[in-house]
Amino acid sequence: MQLEGTADATSPSYWLKWRVLLCAVWVVMPLVIVSFMIWKYEILDHMKSDRVETHTNQISQYCKAWRPSVKEIHPIWLLAFRVFAFCWLLGTLIVKVVANGGRIFYYYTQ
């Protein structure tokens, strides 16, 4: 039984609306951008580094993992952003627990 005013998700007319296309673009575009960035900065760099594999290259690969891909960004700014994001999310979580109690975690532990 379908309620009046709701769409049937099994019909083709539901999937051929512009809103579905917009949502698909909203999800697919970041995936394409991230895939390109991973290919450019990780796979190509890894292929280049495989040509000359030395001990110093292994150390630089380890250090490179902790640095941003964009050379203009200093690692301290990246650390500061991560600390700020952690504090912000922790504060949000604390506010939610104070407002709603510990039962908000009940769903996730089922």
PDB file of N, CA and C in Angstrom:
ATOM      1  N   MET A   1       0.846  -1.178   0.000  1.00  0.00           N
ATOM      2  CA  MET A   1       0.000   0.000   0.000  1.00  0.00           C
ATOM      3  C   MET A   1       0.889   1.239   0.000  1.00  0.00           C
ATOM      4  N   GLN A   2       0.608   2.141  -0.904  1.00  0.00           N
ATOM      5  CA  GLN A   2       1.414   3.349  -1.037  1.00  0.00           C
ATOM      6  C   GLN A   2       0.618   4.546  -0.521  1.00  0.00           C
ATOM      7  N   LEU A   3       1.294   5.373   0.271  1.00  0.00           N
ATOM      8  CA  LEU A   3       0.656   6.574   0.774  1.00  0.00           C
ATOM      9  C   LEU A   3       0.519   7.593  -0.343  1.00  0.00           C
ATOM     10  N   GLU A   4      -0.489   8.407  -0.241  1.00  0.00           N
ATOM     11  CA  GLU A   4      -0.698   9.433  -1.251  1.00  0.00           C
ATOM     12  C   GLU A   4       0.402  10.486  -1.156  1.00  0.00           C
ATOM     13  N   GLY A   5       0.991  10.832  -2.288  1.00  0.00           N
ATOM     14  CA  GLY A   5       2.031  11.844  -2.325  1.00  0.00           C
ATOM     15  C   GLY A   5       3.442  11.276  -2.244  1.00  0.00           C
ATOM     16  N   THR A   6       3.571   9.960  -2.013  1.00  0.00           N
ATOM     17  CA  THR A   6       4.901   9.356  -1.990  1.00  0.00           C
ATOM     18  C   THR A   6       5.164   8.687  -3.328  1.00  0.00           C
ATOM     19  N   ALA A   7       6.431   8.645  -3.700  1.00  0.00           N
ATOM     20  CA  ALA A   7       6.810   8.058  -4.983  1.00  0.00           C
ATOM     21  C   ALA A   7       7.162   6.594  -4.800  1.00  0.00           C
ATOM     22  N   ASP A   8       6.908   5.813  -5.826  1.00  0.00           N
ATOM     23  CA  ASP A   8       7.245   4.399  -5.827  1.00  0.00           C
ATOM     24  C   ASP A   8       8.670   4.249  -6.348  1.00  0.00           C
ATOM     25  N   ALA A   9       9.576   3.831  -5.502  1.00  0.00           N
ATOM     26  CA  ALA A   9      10.983   3.743  -5.875  1.00  0.00           C
ATOM     27  C   ALA A   9      11.267   2.594  -6.828  1.00  0.00           C
ATOM     28  N   THR A  10      10.288   1.748  -7.081  1.00  0.00           N
ATOM     29  CA  THR A  10      10.498   0.648  -8.017  1.00  0.00           C
ATOM     30  C   THR A  10      10.117   1.013  -9.444  1.00  0.00           C
ATOM     31  N   SER A  11       9.490   2.152  -9.636  1.00  0.00           N
ATOM     32  CA  SER A  11       9.085   2.542 -10.994  1.00  0.00           C
ATOM     33  C   SER A  11      10.204   3.331 -11.670  1.00  0.00           C
ATOM     34  N   PRO A  12      10.351   3.184 -12.985  1.00  0.00           N
ATOM     35  CA  PRO A  12      11.399   3.923 -13.711  1.00  0.00           C
ATOM     36  C   PRO A  12      11.215   5.440 -13.642  1.00  0.00           C
ATOM     37  N   SER A  13       9.983   5.900 -13.533  1.00  0.00           N
ATOM     38  CA  SER A  13       9.756   7.347 -13.495  1.00  0.00           C
ATOM     39  C   SER A  13      10.383   7.989 -12.257  1.00  0.00           C
ATOM     40  N   TYR A  14      10.518   7.219 -11.186  1.00  0.00           N
ATOM     41  CA  TYR A  14      11.155   7.730  -9.980  1.00  0.00           C
ATOM     42  C   TYR A  14      12.639   8.002 -10.236  1.00  0.00           C
ATOM     43  N   TRP A  15      13.320   7.115 -10.934  1.00  0.00           N
ATOM     44  CA  TRP A  15      14.756   7.218 -11.155  1.00  0.00           C
ATOM     45  C   TRP A  15      15.124   8.159 -12.293  1.00  0.00           C
ATOM     46  N   LEU A  16      14.156   8.572 -13.104  1.00  0.00           N
ATOM     47  CA  LEU A  16      14.428   9.448 -14.233  1.00  0.00           C
ATOM     48  C   LEU A  16      14.147  10.914 -13.923  1.00  0.00           C
ATOM     49  N   LYS A  17      14.085  11.263 -12.679  1.00  0.00           N
ATOM     50  CA  LYS A  17      13.856  12.654 -12.285  1.00  0.00           C
ATOM     51  C   LYS A  17      15.190  13.377 -12.132  1.00  0.00           C
ATOM     52  N   TRP A  18      15.163  14.706 -12.226  1.00  0.00           N
ATOM     53  CA  TRP A  18      16.386  15.497 -12.165  1.00  0.00           C
ATOM     54  C   TRP A  18      17.027  15.446 -10.785  1.00  0.00           C
ATOM     55  N   ARG A  19      16.238  15.224  -9.748  1.00  0.00           N
ATOM     56  CA  ARG A  19      16.785  15.176  -8.398  1.00  0.00           C
ATOM     57  C   ARG A  19      17.707  13.970  -8.204  1.00  0.00           C
ATOM     58  N   VAL A  20      17.329  12.856  -8.827  1.00  0.00           N
ATOM     59  CA  VAL A  20      18.157  11.652  -8.726  1.00  0.00           C
ATOM     60  C   VAL A  20      19.479  11.890  -9.449  1.00  0.00           C
ATOM     61  N   LEU A  21      19.426  12.534 -10.618  1.00  0.00           N
ATOM     62  CA  LEU A  21      20.640  12.858 -11.347  1.00  0.00           C
ATOM     63  C   LEU A  21      21.529  13.796 -10.533  1.00  0.00           C
ATOM     64  N   LEU A  22      20.927  14.791  -9.908  1.00  0.00           N
ATOM     65  CA  LEU A  22      21.690  15.722  -9.073  1.00  0.00           C
ATOM     66  C   LEU A  22      22.368  14.999  -7.916  1.00  0.00           C
ATOM     67  N   CYS A  23      21.658  14.103  -7.270  1.00  0.00           N
ATOM     68  CA  CYS A  23      22.250  13.335  -6.167  1.00  0.00           C
ATOM     69  C   CYS A  23      23.369  12.425  -6.666  1.00  0.00           C
ATOM     70  N   ALA A  24      23.185  11.832  -7.839  1.00  0.00           N
ATOM     71  CA  ALA A  24      24.226  10.981  -8.408  1.00  0.00           C
ATOM     72  C   ALA A  24      25.479  11.793  -8.710  1.00  0.00           C
ATOM     73  N   VAL A  25      25.301  12.977  -9.275  1.00  0.00           N
ATOM     74  CA  VAL A  25      26.446  13.851  -9.556  1.00  0.00           C
ATOM     75  C   VAL A  25      27.102  14.260  -8.247  1.00  0.00           C
ATOM     76  N   TRP A  26      26.310  14.548  -7.244  1.00  0.00           N
ATOM     77  CA  TRP A  26      26.796  14.956  -5.927  1.00  0.00           C
ATOM     78  C   TRP A  26      27.695  13.872  -5.306  1.00  0.00           C
ATOM     79  N   VAL A  27      27.376  12.614  -5.561  1.00  0.00           N
ATOM     80  CA  VAL A  27      28.154  11.508  -5.004  1.00  0.00           C
ATOM     81  C   VAL A  27      29.324  11.134  -5.916  1.00  0.00           C
ATOM     82  N   VAL A  28      29.108  11.115  -7.227  1.00  0.00           N
ATOM     83  CA  VAL A  28      30.111  10.621  -8.160  1.00  0.00           C
ATOM     84  C   VAL A  28      31.261  11.619  -8.361  1.00  0.00           C
ATOM     85  N   MET A  29      30.974  12.913  -8.390  1.00  0.00           N
ATOM     86  CA  MET A  29      32.034  13.898  -8.643  1.00  0.00           C
ATOM     87  C   MET A  29      33.159  13.837  -7.606  1.00  0.00           C
ATOM     88  N   PRO A  30      32.881  13.811  -6.317  1.00  0.00           N
ATOM     89  CA  PRO A  30      33.992  13.669  -5.360  1.00  0.00           C
ATOM     90  C   PRO A  30      34.758  12.361  -5.546  1.00  0.00           C
ATOM     91  N   LEU A  31      34.055  11.294  -5.911  1.00  0.00           N
ATOM     92  CA  LEU A  31      34.742  10.027  -6.150  1.00  0.00           C
ATOM     93  C   LEU A  31      35.708  10.129  -7.321  1.00  0.00           C
ATOM     94  N   VAL A  32      35.289  10.801  -8.382  1.00  0.00           N
ATOM     95  CA  VAL A  32      36.154  10.982  -9.546  1.00  0.00           C
ATOM     96  C   VAL A  32      37.357  11.849  -9.187  1.00  0.00           C
ATOM     97  N   ILE A  33      37.117  12.941  -8.477  1.00  0.00           N
ATOM     98  CA  ILE A  33      38.210  13.842  -8.095  1.00  0.00           C
ATOM     99  C   ILE A  33      39.209  13.140  -7.186  1.00  0.00           C
ATOM    100  N   VAL A  34      38.717  12.412  -6.201  1.00  0.00           N
ATOM    101  CA  VAL A  34      39.601  11.711  -5.272  1.00  0.00           C
ATOM    102  C   VAL A  34      40.356  10.593  -5.988  1.00  0.00           C
ATOM    103  N   SER A  35      39.690   9.896  -6.895  1.00  0.00           N
ATOM    104  CA  SER A  35      40.372   8.844  -7.652  1.00  0.00           C
ATOM    105  C   SER A  35      41.505   9.424  -8.475  1.00  0.00           C
ATOM    106  N   PHE A  36      41.263  10.573  -9.109  1.00  0.00           N
ATOM    107  CA  PHE A  36      42.313  11.226  -9.886  1.00  0.00           C
ATOM    108  C   PHE A  36      43.475  11.647  -8.990  1.00  0.00           C
ATOM    109  N   MET A  37      43.165  12.212  -7.829  1.00  0.00           N
ATOM    110  CA  MET A  37      44.223  12.655  -6.917  1.00  0.00           C
ATOM    111  C   MET A  37      45.037  11.474  -6.395  1.00  0.00           C
ATOM    112  N   ILE A  38      44.376  10.374  -6.077  1.00  0.00           N
ATOM    113  CA  ILE A  38      45.097   9.184  -5.622  1.00  0.00           C
ATOM    114  C   ILE A  38      45.992   8.667  -6.741  1.00  0.00           C
ATOM    115  N   TRP A  39      45.459   8.641  -7.958  1.00  0.00           N
ATOM    116  CA  TRP A  39      46.253   8.178  -9.093  1.00  0.00           C
ATOM    117  C   TRP A  39      47.458   9.078  -9.322  1.00  0.00           C
ATOM    118  N   LYS A  40      47.239  10.380  -9.248  1.00  0.00           N
ATOM    119  CA  LYS A  40      48.306  11.328  -9.541  1.00  0.00           C
ATOM    120  C   LYS A  40      49.376  11.348  -8.449  1.00  0.00           C
ATOM    121  N   TYR A  41      48.950  11.436  -7.192  1.00  0.00           N
ATOM    122  CA  TYR A  41      49.905  11.642  -6.114  1.00  0.00           C
ATOM    123  C   TYR A  41      50.412  10.354  -5.479  1.00  0.00           C
ATOM    124  N   GLU A  42      49.685   9.282  -5.591  1.00  0.00           N
ATOM    125  CA  GLU A  42      50.106   8.044  -4.942  1.00  0.00           C
ATOM    126  C   GLU A  42      50.654   7.032  -5.941  1.00  0.00           C
ATOM    127  N   ILE A  43      49.878   6.709  -6.942  1.00  0.00           N
ATOM    128  CA  ILE A  43      50.280   5.650  -7.865  1.00  0.00           C
ATOM    129  C   ILE A  43      51.449   6.099  -8.740  1.00  0.00           C
ATOM    130  N   LEU A  44      51.358   7.283  -9.340  1.00  0.00           N
ATOM    131  CA  LEU A  44      52.456   7.752 -10.182  1.00  0.00           C
ATOM    132  C   LEU A  44      53.726   7.967  -9.376  1.00  0.00           C
ATOM    133  N   ASP A  45      53.611   8.537  -8.177  1.00  0.00           N
ATOM    134  CA  ASP A  45      54.790   8.734  -7.331  1.00  0.00           C
ATOM    135  C   ASP A  45      55.395   7.395  -6.912  1.00  0.00           C
ATOM    136  N   HIS A  46      54.533   6.426  -6.632  1.00  0.00           N
ATOM    137  CA  HIS A  46      55.019   5.104  -6.234  1.00  0.00           C
ATOM    138  C   HIS A  46      55.743   4.436  -7.399  1.00  0.00           C
ATOM    139  N   MET A  47      55.218   4.593  -8.618  1.00  0.00           N
ATOM    140  CA  MET A  47      55.863   4.007  -9.794  1.00  0.00           C
ATOM    141  C   MET A  47      57.227   4.658 -10.038  1.00  0.00           C
ATOM    142  N   LYS A  48      57.313   5.967  -9.822  1.00  0.00           N
ATOM    143  CA  LYS A  48      58.584   6.666  -9.994  1.00  0.00           C
ATOM    144  C   LYS A  48      59.591   6.231  -8.935  1.00  0.00           C
ATOM    145  N   SER A  49      59.141   6.047  -7.714  1.00  0.00           N
ATOM    146  CA  SER A  49      60.063   5.687  -6.635  1.00  0.00           C
ATOM    147  C   SER A  49      60.510   4.239  -6.740  1.00  0.00           C
ATOM    148  N   ASP A  50      59.747   3.382  -7.406  1.00  0.00           N
ATOM    149  CA  ASP A  50      60.149   1.989  -7.568  1.00  0.00           C
ATOM    150  C   ASP A  50      61.367   1.856  -8.476  1.00  0.00           C
ATOM    151  N   ARG A  51      61.595   2.833  -9.326  1.00  0.00           N
ATOM    152  CA  ARG A  51      62.740   2.778 -10.237  1.00  0.00           C
ATOM    153  C   ARG A  51      64.060   2.863  -9.472  1.00  0.00           C
ATOM    154  N   VAL A  52      64.099   3.716  -8.468  1.00  0.00           N
ATOM    155  CA  VAL A  52      65.309   3.878  -7.665  1.00  0.00           C
ATOM    156  C   VAL A  52      64.925   3.617  -6.216  1.00  0.00           C
ATOM    157  N   GLU A  53      65.214   2.411  -5.739  1.00  0.00           N
ATOM    158  CA  GLU A  53      64.829   2.032  -4.384  1.00  0.00           C
ATOM    159  C   GLU A  53      66.079   1.965  -3.509  1.00  0.00           C
ATOM    160  N   THR A  54      66.266   2.941  -2.669  1.00  0.00           N
ATOM    161  CA  THR A  54      67.406   2.969  -1.758  1.00  0.00           C
ATOM    162  C   THR A  54      66.895   3.175  -0.346  1.00  0.00           C
ATOM    163  N   HIS A  55      67.795   3.093   0.590  1.00  0.00           N
ATOM    164  CA  HIS A  55      67.420   3.289   1.991  1.00  0.00           C
ATOM    165  C   HIS A  55      66.934   4.715   2.232  1.00  0.00           C
ATOM    166  N   THR A  56      67.604   5.690   1.642  1.00  0.00           N
ATOM    167  CA  THR A  56      67.175   7.075   1.828  1.00  0.00           C
ATOM    168  C   THR A  56      65.821   7.310   1.187  1.00  0.00           C
ATOM    169  N   ASN A  57      65.544   6.612   0.107  1.00  0.00           N
ATOM    170  CA  ASN A  57      64.238   6.737  -0.539  1.00  0.00           C
ATOM    171  C   ASN A  57      63.141   6.168   0.358  1.00  0.00           C
ATOM    172  N   GLN A  58      63.440   5.073   1.062  1.00  0.00           N
ATOM    173  CA  GLN A  58      62.456   4.497   1.980  1.00  0.00           C
ATOM    174  C   GLN A  58      62.177   5.456   3.131  1.00  0.00           C
ATOM    175  N   ILE A  59      63.199   6.116   3.637  1.00  0.00           N
ATOM    176  CA  ILE A  59      63.015   7.089   4.713  1.00  0.00           C
ATOM    177  C   ILE A  59      62.199   8.271   4.210  1.00  0.00           C
ATOM    178  N   SER A  60      62.489   8.726   2.985  1.00  0.00           N
ATOM    179  CA  SER A  60      61.734   9.871   2.456  1.00  0.00           C
ATOM    180  C   SER A  60      60.274   9.485   2.204  1.00  0.00           C
ATOM    181  N   GLN A  61      60.007   8.235   1.835  1.00  0.00           N
ATOM    182  CA  GLN A  61      58.629   7.790   1.654  1.00  0.00           C
ATOM    183  C   GLN A  61      57.884   7.810   2.982  1.00  0.00           C
ATOM    184  N   TYR A  62      58.574   7.415   4.064  1.00  0.00           N
ATOM    185  CA  TYR A  62      57.961   7.439   5.389  1.00  0.00           C
ATOM    186  C   TYR A  62      57.630   8.871   5.798  1.00  0.00           C
ATOM    187  N   CYS A  63      58.571   9.772   5.578  1.00  0.00           N
ATOM    188  CA  CYS A  63      58.352  11.177   5.928  1.00  0.00           C
ATOM    189  C   CYS A  63      57.273  11.792   5.052  1.00  0.00           C
ATOM    190  N   LYS A  64      57.214  11.357   3.805  1.00  0.00           N
ATOM    191  CA  LYS A  64      56.241  11.904   2.864  1.00  0.00           C
ATOM    192  C   LYS A  64      54.808  11.563   3.282  1.00  0.00           C
ATOM    193  N   ALA A  65      54.629  10.451   3.975  1.00  0.00           N
ATOM    194  CA  ALA A  65      53.293  10.042   4.395  1.00  0.00           C
ATOM    195  C   ALA A  65      52.683  11.031   5.382  1.00  0.00           C
ATOM    196  N   TRP A  66      53.529  11.764   6.103  1.00  0.00           N
ATOM    197  CA  TRP A  66      53.041  12.690   7.113  1.00  0.00           C
ATOM    198  C   TRP A  66      52.973  14.118   6.614  1.00  0.00           C
ATOM    199  N   ARG A  67      53.341  14.360   5.375  1.00  0.00           N
ATOM    200  CA  ARG A  67      53.336  15.712   4.821  1.00  0.00           C
ATOM    201  C   ARG A  67      52.166  15.871   3.858  1.00  0.00           C
ATOM    202  N   PRO A  68      51.646  17.076   3.722  1.00  0.00           N
ATOM    203  CA  PRO A  68      50.574  17.296   2.758  1.00  0.00           C
ATOM    204  C   PRO A  68      51.099  17.200   1.330  1.00  0.00           C
ATOM    205  N   SER A  69      50.214  16.871   0.397  1.00  0.00           N
ATOM    206  CA  SER A  69      50.608  16.761  -1.007  1.00  0.00           C
ATOM    207  C   SER A  69      50.958  18.109  -1.598  1.00  0.00           C
ATOM    208  N   VAL A  70      50.296  19.149  -1.140  1.00  0.00           N
ATOM    209  CA  VAL A  70      50.558  20.492  -1.641  1.00  0.00           C
ATOM    210  C   VAL A  70      51.781  21.034  -0.897  1.00  0.00           C
ATOM    211  N   LYS A  71      52.815  21.378  -1.639  1.00  0.00           N
ATOM    212  CA  LYS A  71      54.089  21.785  -1.030  1.00  0.00           C
ATOM    213  C   LYS A  71      53.994  23.115  -0.292  1.00  0.00           C
ATOM    214  N   GLU A  72      53.028  23.961  -0.644  1.00  0.00           N
ATOM    215  CA  GLU A  72      52.920  25.280  -0.021  1.00  0.00           C
ATOM    216  C   GLU A  72      52.357  25.218   1.396  1.00  0.00           C
ATOM    217  N   ILE A  73      51.742  24.109   1.762  1.00  0.00           N
ATOM    218  CA  ILE A  73      51.153  23.969   3.095  1.00  0.00           C
ATOM    219  C   ILE A  73      52.204  23.401   4.038  1.00  0.00           C
ATOM    220  N   HIS A  74      52.485  24.131   5.089  1.00  0.00           N
ATOM    221  CA  HIS A  74      53.451  23.673   6.093  1.00  0.00           C
ATOM    222  C   HIS A  74      52.799  22.580   6.943  1.00  0.00           C
ATOM    223  N   PRO A  75      53.549  21.536   7.312  1.00  0.00           N
ATOM    224  CA  PRO A  75      52.973  20.442   8.107  1.00  0.00           C
ATOM    225  C   PRO A  75      52.381  20.890   9.443  1.00  0.00           C
ATOM    226  N   ILE A  76      52.864  21.986   9.995  1.00  0.00           N
ATOM    227  CA  ILE A  76      52.307  22.485  11.268  1.00  0.00           C
ATOM    228  C   ILE A  76      50.851  22.906  11.079  1.00  0.00           C
ATOM    229  N   TRP A  77      50.537  23.521   9.935  1.00  0.00           N
ATOM    230  CA  TRP A  77      49.153  23.915   9.661  1.00  0.00           C
ATOM    231  C   TRP A  77      48.269  22.690   9.548  1.00  0.00           C
ATOM    232  N   LEU A  78      48.778  21.638   8.940  1.00  0.00           N
ATOM    233  CA  LEU A  78      48.011  20.394   8.837  1.00  0.00           C
ATOM    234  C   LEU A  78      47.764  19.804  10.217  1.00  0.00           C
ATOM    235  N   LEU A  79      48.776  19.811  11.059  1.00  0.00           N
ATOM    236  CA  LEU A  79      48.616  19.323  12.429  1.00  0.00           C
ATOM    237  C   LEU A  79      47.609  20.177  13.193  1.00  0.00           C
ATOM    238  N   ALA A  80      47.713  21.494  13.039  1.00  0.00           N
ATOM    239  CA  ALA A  80      46.780  22.394  13.734  1.00  0.00           C
ATOM    240  C   ALA A  80      45.348  22.150  13.276  1.00  0.00           C
ATOM    241  N   PHE A  81      45.162  21.942  11.979  1.00  0.00           N
ATOM    242  CA  PHE A  81      43.815  21.654  11.468  1.00  0.00           C
ATOM    243  C   PHE A  81      43.281  20.356  12.046  1.00  0.00           C
ATOM    244  N   ARG A  82      44.122  19.342  12.123  1.00  0.00           N
ATOM    245  CA  ARG A  82      43.676  18.045  12.655  1.00  0.00           C
ATOM    246  C   ARG A  82      43.342  18.144  14.140  1.00  0.00           C
ATOM    247  N   VAL A  83      44.144  18.891  14.892  1.00  0.00           N
ATOM    248  CA  VAL A  83      43.854  19.075  16.325  1.00  0.00           C
ATOM    249  C   VAL A  83      42.549  19.853  16.500  1.00  0.00           C
ATOM    250  N   PHE A  84      42.356  20.909  15.706  1.00  0.00           N
ATOM    251  CA  PHE A  84      41.123  21.690  15.768  1.00  0.00           C
ATOM    252  C   PHE A  84      39.918  20.824  15.423  1.00  0.00           C
ATOM    253  N   ALA A  85      40.018  20.030  14.354  1.00  0.00           N
ATOM    254  CA  ALA A  85      38.907  19.169  13.945  1.00  0.00           C
ATOM    255  C   ALA A  85      38.597  18.143  15.028  1.00  0.00           C
ATOM    256  N   PHE A  86      39.627  17.562  15.638  1.00  0.00           N
ATOM    257  CA  PHE A  86      39.407  16.596  16.705  1.00  0.00           C
ATOM    258  C   PHE A  86      38.689  17.240  17.884  1.00  0.00           C
ATOM    259  N   CYS A  87      39.154  18.417  18.302  1.00  0.00           N
ATOM    260  CA  CYS A  87      38.526  19.110  19.431  1.00  0.00           C
ATOM    261  C   CYS A  87      37.084  19.494  19.119  1.00  0.00           C
ATOM    262  N   TRP A  88      36.845  19.965  17.922  1.00  0.00           N
ATOM    263  CA  TRP A  88      35.489  20.352  17.520  1.00  0.00           C
ATOM    264  C   TRP A  88      34.557  19.135  17.542  1.00  0.00           C
ATOM    265  N   LEU A  89      34.985  18.023  16.969  1.00  0.00           N
ATOM    266  CA  LEU A  89      34.148  16.827  16.944  1.00  0.00           C
ATOM    267  C   LEU A  89      33.965  16.240  18.333  1.00  0.00           C
ATOM    268  N   LEU A  90      35.012  16.277  19.149  1.00  0.00           N
ATOM    269  CA  LEU A  90      34.886  15.796  20.526  1.00  0.00           C
ATOM    270  C   LEU A  90      33.897  16.660  21.307  1.00  0.00           C
ATOM    271  N   GLY A  91      33.982  17.982  21.128  1.00  0.00           N
ATOM    272  CA  GLY A  91      33.030  18.879  21.796  1.00  0.00           C
ATOM    273  C   GLY A  91      31.603  18.634  21.347  1.00  0.00           C
ATOM    274  N   THR A  92      31.417  18.411  20.059  1.00  0.00           N
ATOM    275  CA  THR A  92      30.076  18.105  19.539  1.00  0.00           C
ATOM    276  C   THR A  92      29.542  16.815  20.138  1.00  0.00           C
ATOM    277  N   LEU A  93      30.396  15.800  20.222  1.00  0.00           N
ATOM    278  CA  LEU A  93      29.982  14.530  20.801  1.00  0.00           C
ATOM    279  C   LEU A  93      29.623  14.683  22.271  1.00  0.00           C
ATOM    280  N   ILE A  94      30.399  15.450  23.008  1.00  0.00           N
ATOM    281  CA  ILE A  94      30.112  15.670  24.430  1.00  0.00           C
ATOM    282  C   ILE A  94      28.781  16.390  24.598  1.00  0.00           C
ATOM    283  N   VAL A  95      28.515  17.400  23.783  1.00  0.00           N
ATOM    284  CA  VAL A  95      27.240  18.124  23.864  1.00  0.00           C
ATOM    285  C   VAL A  95      26.074  17.190  23.579  1.00  0.00           C
ATOM    286  N   LYS A  96      26.228  16.320  22.572  1.00  0.00           N
ATOM    287  CA  LYS A  96      25.143  15.381  22.246  1.00  0.00           C
ATOM    288  C   LYS A  96      24.901  14.386  23.378  1.00  0.00           C
ATOM    289  N   VAL A  97      25.980  13.908  24.005  1.00  0.00           N
ATOM    290  CA  VAL A  97      25.816  12.969  25.118  1.00  0.00           C
ATOM    291  C   VAL A  97      25.175  13.657  26.305  1.00  0.00           C
ATOM    292  N   VAL A  98      25.552  14.904  26.590  1.00  0.00           N
ATOM    293  CA  VAL A  98      24.951  15.637  27.709  1.00  0.00           C
ATOM    294  C   VAL A  98      23.467  15.889  27.431  1.00  0.00           C
ATOM    295  N   ALA A  99      23.137  16.246  26.195  1.00  0.00           N
ATOM    296  CA  ALA A  99      21.748  16.568  25.859  1.00  0.00           C
ATOM    297  C   ALA A  99      20.864  15.334  25.796  1.00  0.00           C
ATOM    298  N   ASN A 100      21.381  14.231  25.248  1.00  0.00           N
ATOM    299  CA  ASN A 100      20.536  13.052  25.014  1.00  0.00           C
ATOM    300  C   ASN A 100      20.861  11.869  25.904  1.00  0.00           C
ATOM    301  N   GLY A 101      21.935  11.937  26.630  1.00  0.00           N
ATOM    302  CA  GLY A 101      22.327  10.819  27.473  1.00  0.00           C
ATOM    303  C   GLY A 101      23.110   9.783  26.672  1.00  0.00           C
ATOM    304  N   GLY A 102      23.600   8.795  27.370  1.00  0.00           N
ATOM    305  CA  GLY A 102      24.403   7.752  26.745  1.00  0.00           C
ATOM    306  C   GLY A 102      23.632   6.824  25.848  1.00  0.00           C
ATOM    307  N   ARG A 103      22.303   6.944  25.857  1.00  0.00           N
ATOM    308  CA  ARG A 103      21.489   6.041  25.036  1.00  0.00           C
ATOM    309  C   ARG A 103      21.645   6.294  23.541  1.00  0.00           C
ATOM    310  N   ILE A 104      22.280   7.411  23.163  1.00  0.00           N
ATOM    311  CA  ILE A 104      22.473   7.666  21.737  1.00  0.00           C
ATOM    312  C   ILE A 104      23.435   6.651  21.129  1.00  0.00           C
ATOM    313  N   PHE A 105      24.254   5.982  21.950  1.00  0.00           N
ATOM    314  CA  PHE A 105      25.180   4.970  21.450  1.00  0.00           C
ATOM    315  C   PHE A 105      24.550   3.586  21.408  1.00  0.00           C
ATOM    316  N   TYR A 106      23.356   3.455  21.925  1.00  0.00           N
ATOM    317  CA  TYR A 106      22.701   2.149  22.001  1.00  0.00           C
ATOM    318  C   TYR A 106      22.484   1.566  20.613  1.00  0.00           C
ATOM    319  N   TYR A 107      22.068   2.385  19.672  1.00  0.00           N
ATOM    320  CA  TYR A 107      21.795   1.918  18.303  1.00  0.00           C
ATOM    321  C   TYR A 107      23.053   1.329  17.674  1.00  0.00           C
ATOM    322  N   TYR A 108      24.188   1.951  17.878  1.00  0.00           N
ATOM    323  CA  TYR A 108      25.425   1.525  17.239  1.00  0.00           C
ATOM    324  C   TYR A 108      26.027   0.293  17.858  1.00  0.00           C
ATOM    325  N   THR A 109      25.556  -0.101  19.042  1.00  0.00           N
ATOM    326  CA  THR A 109      26.107  -1.287  19.692  1.00  0.00           C
ATOM    327  C   THR A 109      25.197  -2.491  19.525  1.00  0.00           C
ATOM    328  N   GLN A 110      24.156  -2.371  18.762  1.00  0.00           N
ATOM    329  CA  GLN A 110      23.251  -3.506  18.542  1.00  0.00           C
ATOM    330  C   GLN A 110      23.912  -4.573  17.695  1.00  0.00           C
TER     331      GLN A 110
END
